[in-house]
Amino acid sequence: NVAAALCNYGLNGTFVSKVPNNPLGQSAINHLRRYGVDTQFVARGGKRLGIYFLETGASMRASQVVYDRADASISEVEISEFDFDKIFEGADWFHTTGITPALSDKAAALTEAALKAAKARGITTSIDLNYRKKLWSKEKAREVMTRLCQYVDVCIGNEEDADTTLGFTSKGTDVTKGELNLDGYKDVFQQMKAKFGFKYIASTLRESHSASDNGWSALVYDGTEFYHTKSYEVRIVDRVGSGDSFASGFIYGLVTDMKMSDAAEFGVAASAIKHTIPGDLNHATLSEVKDLVGGDGSGRVQR
């Protein structure tokens, strides 16, 4: 999702993973290629392509996800299948998430090796904490993610992720009631900065009025200043991929030398638009995101 969005904004993005050497694996690769994503470093092999099923919620009924990822190719991956010298040649940024290490010990080892390799080459690293309780336990997640975060420059994650994976709790926040406390977040960010030394910390802020209507904004921190973006009231078509859309937008802003505040506004606008688009990927163009950042959220037909 992140690589495809960055390519959509005009940057060069490469996706590194492993898929089975069969038509399903090739179909996944072809899907990414449609968006200009470089897939030359995707390894081939293994038993199957991991999938998940989504039941989309509405109103007070929550969405439900069922994972079918046992024996997926990426779960059986070996570090030796990837040449980091070639992968990181000319790269400026390496992004990963907490979903990959949740799949298996081998996938976690690969994620750590990739982060180390990127840091050793002076490449900016980022991680979206992305805790998924159906993939691994809270204890295992905290053990692994705490280890990974020592190699991270930019940390992205919501209040549940920070609590579950790193042990930092936001006081006065209750996601089930849609209650957010910015002072609690700021305290958590300062603790995260003190422990890991992140250059930037960012969290999307979701006020869940229902499964259909959310308030959406973001808070970012650079160790000196906090910045809270404008908030969007979104009527949800599909919220899956909204976090990745924020991450890609924030990364785009920082890579293109925007100020932290402008990068955050770009990211939250991109992810607000994603809520209106079905499917995982954000198809919004650079100009569409910039228009929303500039205040054009009318939804009027463009002729």
Protein backbone atom coordinates (compact mmCIF):
# COMPACT_ATOMS: atom_id res chain seq x y z
CA ASN A 1 0.00 0.00 0.00
CA VAL A 2 2.74 2.44 0.98
CA ALA A 3 4.94 1.72 -2.05
CA ALA A 4 2.01 2.03 -4.45
CA ALA A 5 0.89 5.35 -2.97
CA LEU A 6 4.41 6.79 -3.12
CA CYS A 7 4.67 5.77 -6.77
CA ASN A 8 1.30 7.39 -7.35
CA TYR A 9 2.74 10.65 -5.97
CA GLY A 10 5.66 10.48 -8.39
CA LEU A 11 8.38 8.84 -6.30
CA ASN A 12 10.16 5.56 -7.00
CA GLY A 13 8.99 2.72 -4.76
CA THR A 14 10.24 -0.84 -4.42
CA PHE A 15 8.41 -3.69 -2.69
CA VAL A 16 10.44 -6.52 -1.12
CA SER A 17 8.72 -9.73 -0.03
CA LYS A 18 8.30 -13.38 -0.98
CA VAL A 19 5.43 -14.95 -2.91
CA PRO A 20 4.84 -18.48 -4.22
CA ASN A 21 6.12 -19.27 -7.69
CA ASN A 22 2.66 -19.87 -9.13
CA PRO A 23 -0.08 -17.87 -10.90
CA LEU A 24 -1.39 -16.44 -7.61
CA GLY A 25 2.03 -15.11 -6.68
CA GLN A 26 2.50 -13.67 -10.16
CA SER A 27 -0.93 -12.05 -10.00
CA ALA A 28 0.05 -10.27 -6.78
CA ILE A 29 3.25 -9.01 -8.40
CA ASN A 30 1.39 -7.88 -11.51
CA HIS A 31 -1.08 -5.97 -9.33
CA LEU A 32 1.76 -3.94 -7.80
CA ARG A 33 3.36 -3.35 -11.17
CA ARG A 34 0.16 -1.66 -12.35
CA TYR A 35 0.99 1.18 -9.98
CA GLY A 36 4.63 1.48 -11.01
CA VAL A 37 6.04 -0.42 -8.03
CA ASP A 38 9.44 -2.06 -8.63
CA THR A 39 9.11 -5.77 -7.77
CA GLN A 40 12.50 -7.05 -8.94
CA PHE A 41 13.54 -8.02 -5.41
CA VAL A 42 10.45 -10.09 -4.59
CA ALA A 43 11.64 -13.65 -3.90
CA ARG A 44 9.75 -16.59 -5.39
CA GLY A 45 8.99 -19.86 -3.66
CA GLY A 46 7.17 -21.39 -0.72
CA LYS A 47 3.78 -23.04 -0.45
CA ARG A 48 1.09 -20.40 -0.71
CA LEU A 49 0.04 -16.77 -0.77
CA GLY A 50 -1.35 -15.57 2.54
CA ILE A 51 -4.82 -14.03 2.39
CA TYR A 52 -7.42 -12.51 4.68
CA PHE A 53 -11.17 -12.09 4.58
CA LEU A 54 -12.90 -8.86 5.56
CA GLU A 55 -16.52 -8.47 6.61
CA THR A 56 -17.20 -4.75 6.32
CA GLY A 57 -19.06 -3.24 9.26
CA ALA A 58 -21.63 -0.45 9.30
CA SER A 59 -23.12 1.80 11.97
CA MET A 60 -22.62 0.06 15.35
CA ARG A 61 -21.53 -3.26 13.75
CA ALA A 62 -17.74 -3.51 13.64
CA SER A 63 -15.78 -4.88 10.70
CA GLN A 64 -14.31 -8.36 11.17
CA VAL A 65 -11.09 -9.80 9.75
CA VAL A 66 -10.23 -13.50 9.39
CA TYR A 67 -6.60 -14.29 8.52
CA ASP A 68 -5.60 -17.31 6.44
CA ARG A 69 -1.83 -16.88 6.45
CA ALA A 70 -0.52 -20.20 7.81
CA ASP A 71 2.36 -21.58 5.69
CA ALA A 72 2.49 -18.42 3.57
CA SER A 73 5.71 -17.96 1.60
CA ILE A 74 6.77 -14.90 3.59
CA SER A 75 6.41 -16.90 6.84
CA GLU A 76 9.07 -19.38 5.67
CA VAL A 77 11.45 -16.74 4.33
CA GLU A 78 15.24 -16.91 4.76
CA ILE A 79 17.45 -13.84 5.12
CA SER A 80 19.85 -15.33 2.58
CA GLU A 81 17.20 -14.90 -0.14
CA PHE A 82 17.78 -11.13 -0.20
CA ASP A 83 20.82 -9.11 -1.27
CA PHE A 84 20.63 -5.94 0.81
CA ASP A 85 23.48 -4.29 -1.08
CA LYS A 86 21.42 -4.40 -4.27
CA ILE A 87 18.09 -3.72 -2.58
CA PHE A 88 19.27 -0.56 -0.82
CA GLU A 89 21.43 0.81 -3.62
CA GLY A 90 20.31 4.40 -4.21
CA ALA A 91 17.53 4.17 -1.62
CA ASP A 92 16.62 7.10 0.65
CA TRP A 93 14.02 5.45 2.88
CA PHE A 94 13.08 2.00 4.17
CA HIS A 95 9.60 1.42 5.57
CA THR A 96 8.20 -1.67 7.25
CA THR A 97 5.34 -2.57 9.57
CA GLY A 98 4.54 -4.70 12.59
CA ILE A 99 2.51 -7.11 10.47
CA THR A 100 5.49 -8.82 8.82
CA PRO A 101 7.30 -9.83 12.05
CA ALA A 102 3.98 -11.07 13.44
CA LEU A 103 3.81 -13.79 10.79
CA SER A 104 6.70 -15.95 12.04
CA ASP A 105 10.08 -15.92 13.78
CA LYS A 106 11.74 -16.08 10.36
CA ALA A 107 9.80 -13.06 9.13
CA ALA A 108 10.72 -11.20 12.32
CA ALA A 109 14.39 -12.04 11.81
CA LEU A 110 14.23 -10.77 8.23
CA THR A 111 12.58 -7.52 9.33
CA GLU A 112 15.32 -6.94 11.91
CA ALA A 113 18.07 -7.76 9.41
CA ALA A 114 16.57 -5.34 6.87
CA LEU A 115 16.33 -2.53 9.42
CA LYS A 116 19.93 -3.10 10.51
CA ALA A 117 21.11 -3.12 6.89
CA ALA A 118 19.28 0.11 6.10
CA LYS A 119 20.63 1.88 9.19
CA ALA A 120 24.17 0.72 8.41
CA ARG A 121 23.85 2.39 5.00
CA GLY A 122 22.57 5.69 6.38
CA ILE A 123 19.04 5.17 5.06
CA THR A 124 16.13 6.67 6.98
CA THR A 125 13.99 3.93 8.52
CA SER A 126 10.35 3.97 9.55
CA ILE A 127 7.93 1.50 11.04
CA ASP A 128 4.17 1.42 11.47
CA LEU A 129 3.57 -0.54 14.68
CA ASN A 130 0.38 -2.15 13.31
CA TYR A 131 -0.46 -4.57 16.13
CA ARG A 132 -2.79 -7.37 15.04
CA LYS A 133 -3.98 -9.45 17.99
CA LYS A 134 -5.15 -12.26 15.71
CA LEU A 135 -1.58 -12.75 14.45
CA TRP A 136 0.45 -12.79 17.67
CA SER A 137 0.27 -12.30 21.41
CA LYS A 138 0.80 -9.01 23.22
CA GLU A 139 3.86 -10.45 24.97
CA LYS A 140 5.52 -11.64 21.75
CA ALA A 141 4.72 -8.37 20.00
CA ARG A 142 6.28 -6.32 22.77
CA GLU A 143 9.41 -8.48 22.81
CA VAL A 144 9.97 -8.24 19.06
CA MET A 145 8.84 -4.67 18.40
CA THR A 146 10.90 -3.27 21.28
CA ARG A 147 13.93 -4.89 19.67
CA LEU A 148 13.10 -3.61 16.18
CA CYS A 149 12.46 -0.03 17.26
CA GLN A 150 16.08 0.54 18.24
CA TYR A 151 16.81 0.71 14.48
CA VAL A 152 13.93 3.08 13.63
CA ASP A 153 14.04 6.81 12.87
CA VAL A 154 10.33 7.46 12.31
CA CYS A 155 7.70 5.62 14.35
CA ILE A 156 4.05 5.61 13.32
CA GLY A 157 1.24 4.01 15.29
CA ASN A 158 -2.02 4.65 17.06
CA GLU A 159 -2.73 4.60 20.78
CA GLU A 160 -3.46 0.86 20.93
CA ASP A 161 -0.26 0.03 19.05
CA ALA A 162 1.94 2.12 21.35
CA ASP A 163 0.39 0.52 24.42
CA THR A 164 0.38 -3.08 23.22
CA THR A 165 3.70 -3.27 21.38
CA LEU A 166 5.85 -0.84 23.37
CA GLY A 167 4.10 -0.50 26.73
CA PHE A 168 3.26 3.21 26.58
CA THR A 169 -0.30 4.04 27.69
CA SER A 170 -2.23 7.16 26.71
CA LYS A 171 -4.16 8.35 29.75
CA GLY A 172 -7.72 9.48 29.22
CA THR A 173 -8.10 7.70 25.89
CA ASP A 174 -10.80 5.09 25.27
CA VAL A 175 -10.99 3.95 21.65
CA THR A 176 -14.19 1.99 22.25
CA LYS A 177 -15.93 5.22 23.28
CA GLY A 178 -14.19 7.37 20.67
CA GLU A 179 -12.48 9.42 23.39
CA LEU A 180 -9.07 10.98 22.71
CA ASN A 181 -6.79 12.90 25.08
CA LEU A 182 -4.06 14.87 23.34
CA ASP A 183 -2.16 15.50 26.57
CA GLY A 184 -2.04 11.74 27.12
CA TYR A 185 -0.64 11.23 23.64
CA LYS A 186 1.98 13.91 24.17
CA ASP A 187 3.14 12.21 27.34
CA VAL A 188 3.41 8.88 25.48
CA PHE A 189 5.36 10.50 22.63
CA GLN A 190 7.84 12.00 25.08
CA GLN A 191 8.36 8.60 26.70
CA MET A 192 8.88 6.99 23.30
CA LYS A 193 11.39 9.67 22.33
CA ALA A 194 13.29 9.21 25.59
CA LYS A 195 13.51 5.43 25.20
CA PHE A 196 14.15 5.03 21.47
CA GLY A 197 15.38 8.42 20.26
CA PHE A 198 12.99 8.53 17.30
CA LYS A 199 13.45 11.54 15.01
CA TYR A 200 9.70 11.76 14.40
CA ILE A 201 6.72 10.11 16.09
CA ALA A 202 3.29 10.20 14.50
CA SER A 203 -0.12 8.84 15.36
CA THR A 204 -3.41 9.03 13.56
CA LEU A 205 -6.29 9.98 15.83
CA ARG A 206 -9.57 8.23 15.12
CA GLU A 207 -12.73 9.34 16.88
CA SER A 208 -15.05 6.43 16.18
CA HIS A 209 -18.59 7.73 16.27
CA SER A 210 -19.63 4.46 14.59
CA ALA A 211 -18.29 2.01 12.01
CA SER A 212 -19.60 4.38 9.34
CA ASP A 213 -18.59 7.82 10.64
CA ASN A 214 -15.25 8.83 12.14
CA GLY A 215 -13.34 11.94 13.03
CA TRP A 216 -9.80 11.74 11.60
CA SER A 217 -6.66 13.73 12.39
CA ALA A 218 -3.04 13.16 13.38
CA LEU A 219 -0.52 14.22 16.00
CA VAL A 220 3.21 14.39 15.25
CA TYR A 221 6.28 15.14 17.37
CA ASP A 222 9.92 15.84 16.55
CA GLY A 223 11.33 15.87 20.07
CA THR A 224 10.78 19.62 20.41
CA GLU A 225 7.37 20.52 19.02
CA PHE A 226 3.99 18.82 18.78
CA TYR A 227 1.67 19.45 15.87
CA HIS A 228 -2.00 18.45 15.68
CA THR A 229 -3.45 18.48 12.16
CA LYS A 230 -6.85 19.65 11.09
CA SER A 231 -9.59 17.09 11.71
CA TYR A 232 -11.80 15.60 9.00
CA GLU A 233 -15.27 14.17 9.51
CA VAL A 234 -15.35 11.18 7.17
CA ARG A 235 -18.24 9.01 6.00
CA ILE A 236 -16.48 5.67 5.53
CA VAL A 237 -16.59 3.64 2.35
CA ASP A 238 -13.57 1.50 3.30
CA ARG A 239 -11.16 2.28 6.14
CA VAL A 240 -8.75 -0.59 5.38
CA GLY A 241 -5.46 0.92 4.24
CA SER A 242 -6.09 4.32 5.84
CA GLY A 243 -3.11 3.93 8.16
CA ASP A 244 -0.85 3.03 5.25
CA SER A 245 -2.20 6.06 3.40
CA PHE A 246 -1.18 8.31 6.27
CA ALA A 247 2.24 6.68 6.45
CA SER A 248 2.85 7.10 2.72
CA GLY A 249 1.68 10.70 2.80
CA PHE A 250 3.83 11.58 5.80
CA ILE A 251 6.84 9.85 4.23
CA TYR A 252 6.22 11.66 0.94
CA GLY A 253 6.19 14.98 2.75
CA LEU A 254 9.42 14.33 4.62
CA VAL A 255 11.21 12.92 1.56
CA THR A 256 10.26 16.01 -0.44
CA ASP A 257 11.55 18.31 2.33
CA MET A 258 8.22 19.52 3.67
CA LYS A 259 8.13 20.84 7.21
CA MET A 260 6.90 18.28 9.74
CA SER A 261 3.56 20.08 10.03
CA ASP A 262 3.03 20.18 6.27
CA ALA A 263 4.01 16.51 5.91
CA ALA A 264 1.47 15.62 8.61
CA GLU A 265 -1.27 17.64 6.90
CA PHE A 266 -0.50 15.92 3.60
CA GLY A 267 -0.60 12.50 5.27
CA VAL A 268 -3.86 13.02 7.10
CA ALA A 269 -5.52 14.48 3.98
CA ALA A 270 -4.38 11.51 1.89
CA SER A 271 -5.71 9.06 4.46
CA ALA A 272 -8.99 10.94 4.82
CA ILE A 273 -9.50 10.53 1.07
CA LYS A 274 -8.61 6.83 1.35
CA HIS A 275 -11.65 6.31 3.60
CA THR A 276 -13.79 7.09 0.54
CA ILE A 277 -12.08 4.57 -1.77
CA PRO A 278 -12.90 0.82 -1.75
CA GLY A 279 -9.97 -1.59 -1.51
CA ASP A 280 -6.60 -1.46 0.24
CA LEU A 281 -4.84 0.98 -2.10
CA ASN A 282 -5.21 4.74 -2.15
CA HIS A 283 -5.83 5.88 -5.73
CA ALA A 284 -5.86 9.59 -4.87
CA THR A 285 -3.55 11.69 -7.02
CA LEU A 286 -1.01 14.19 -5.77
CA SER A 287 -3.17 17.08 -6.93
CA GLU A 288 -6.27 15.67 -5.21
CA VAL A 289 -4.45 15.44 -1.90
CA LYS A 290 -3.00 18.94 -2.28
CA ASP A 291 -6.45 20.32 -3.07
CA LEU A 292 -7.84 18.85 0.14
CA VAL A 293 -4.91 20.18 2.15
CA GLY A 294 -5.66 23.57 0.63
CA GLY A 295 -9.23 23.43 1.87
CA ASP A 296 -11.21 22.04 -1.06
CA GLY A 297 -13.27 19.30 0.56
CA SER A 298 -16.53 20.17 -1.17
CA GLY A 299 -16.76 16.92 -3.12
CA ARG A 300 -18.06 18.85 -6.13
CA VAL A 301 -17.77 17.17 -9.53
CA GLN A 302 -14.59 18.26 -11.31
CA ARG A 303 -15.41 18.98 -14.97
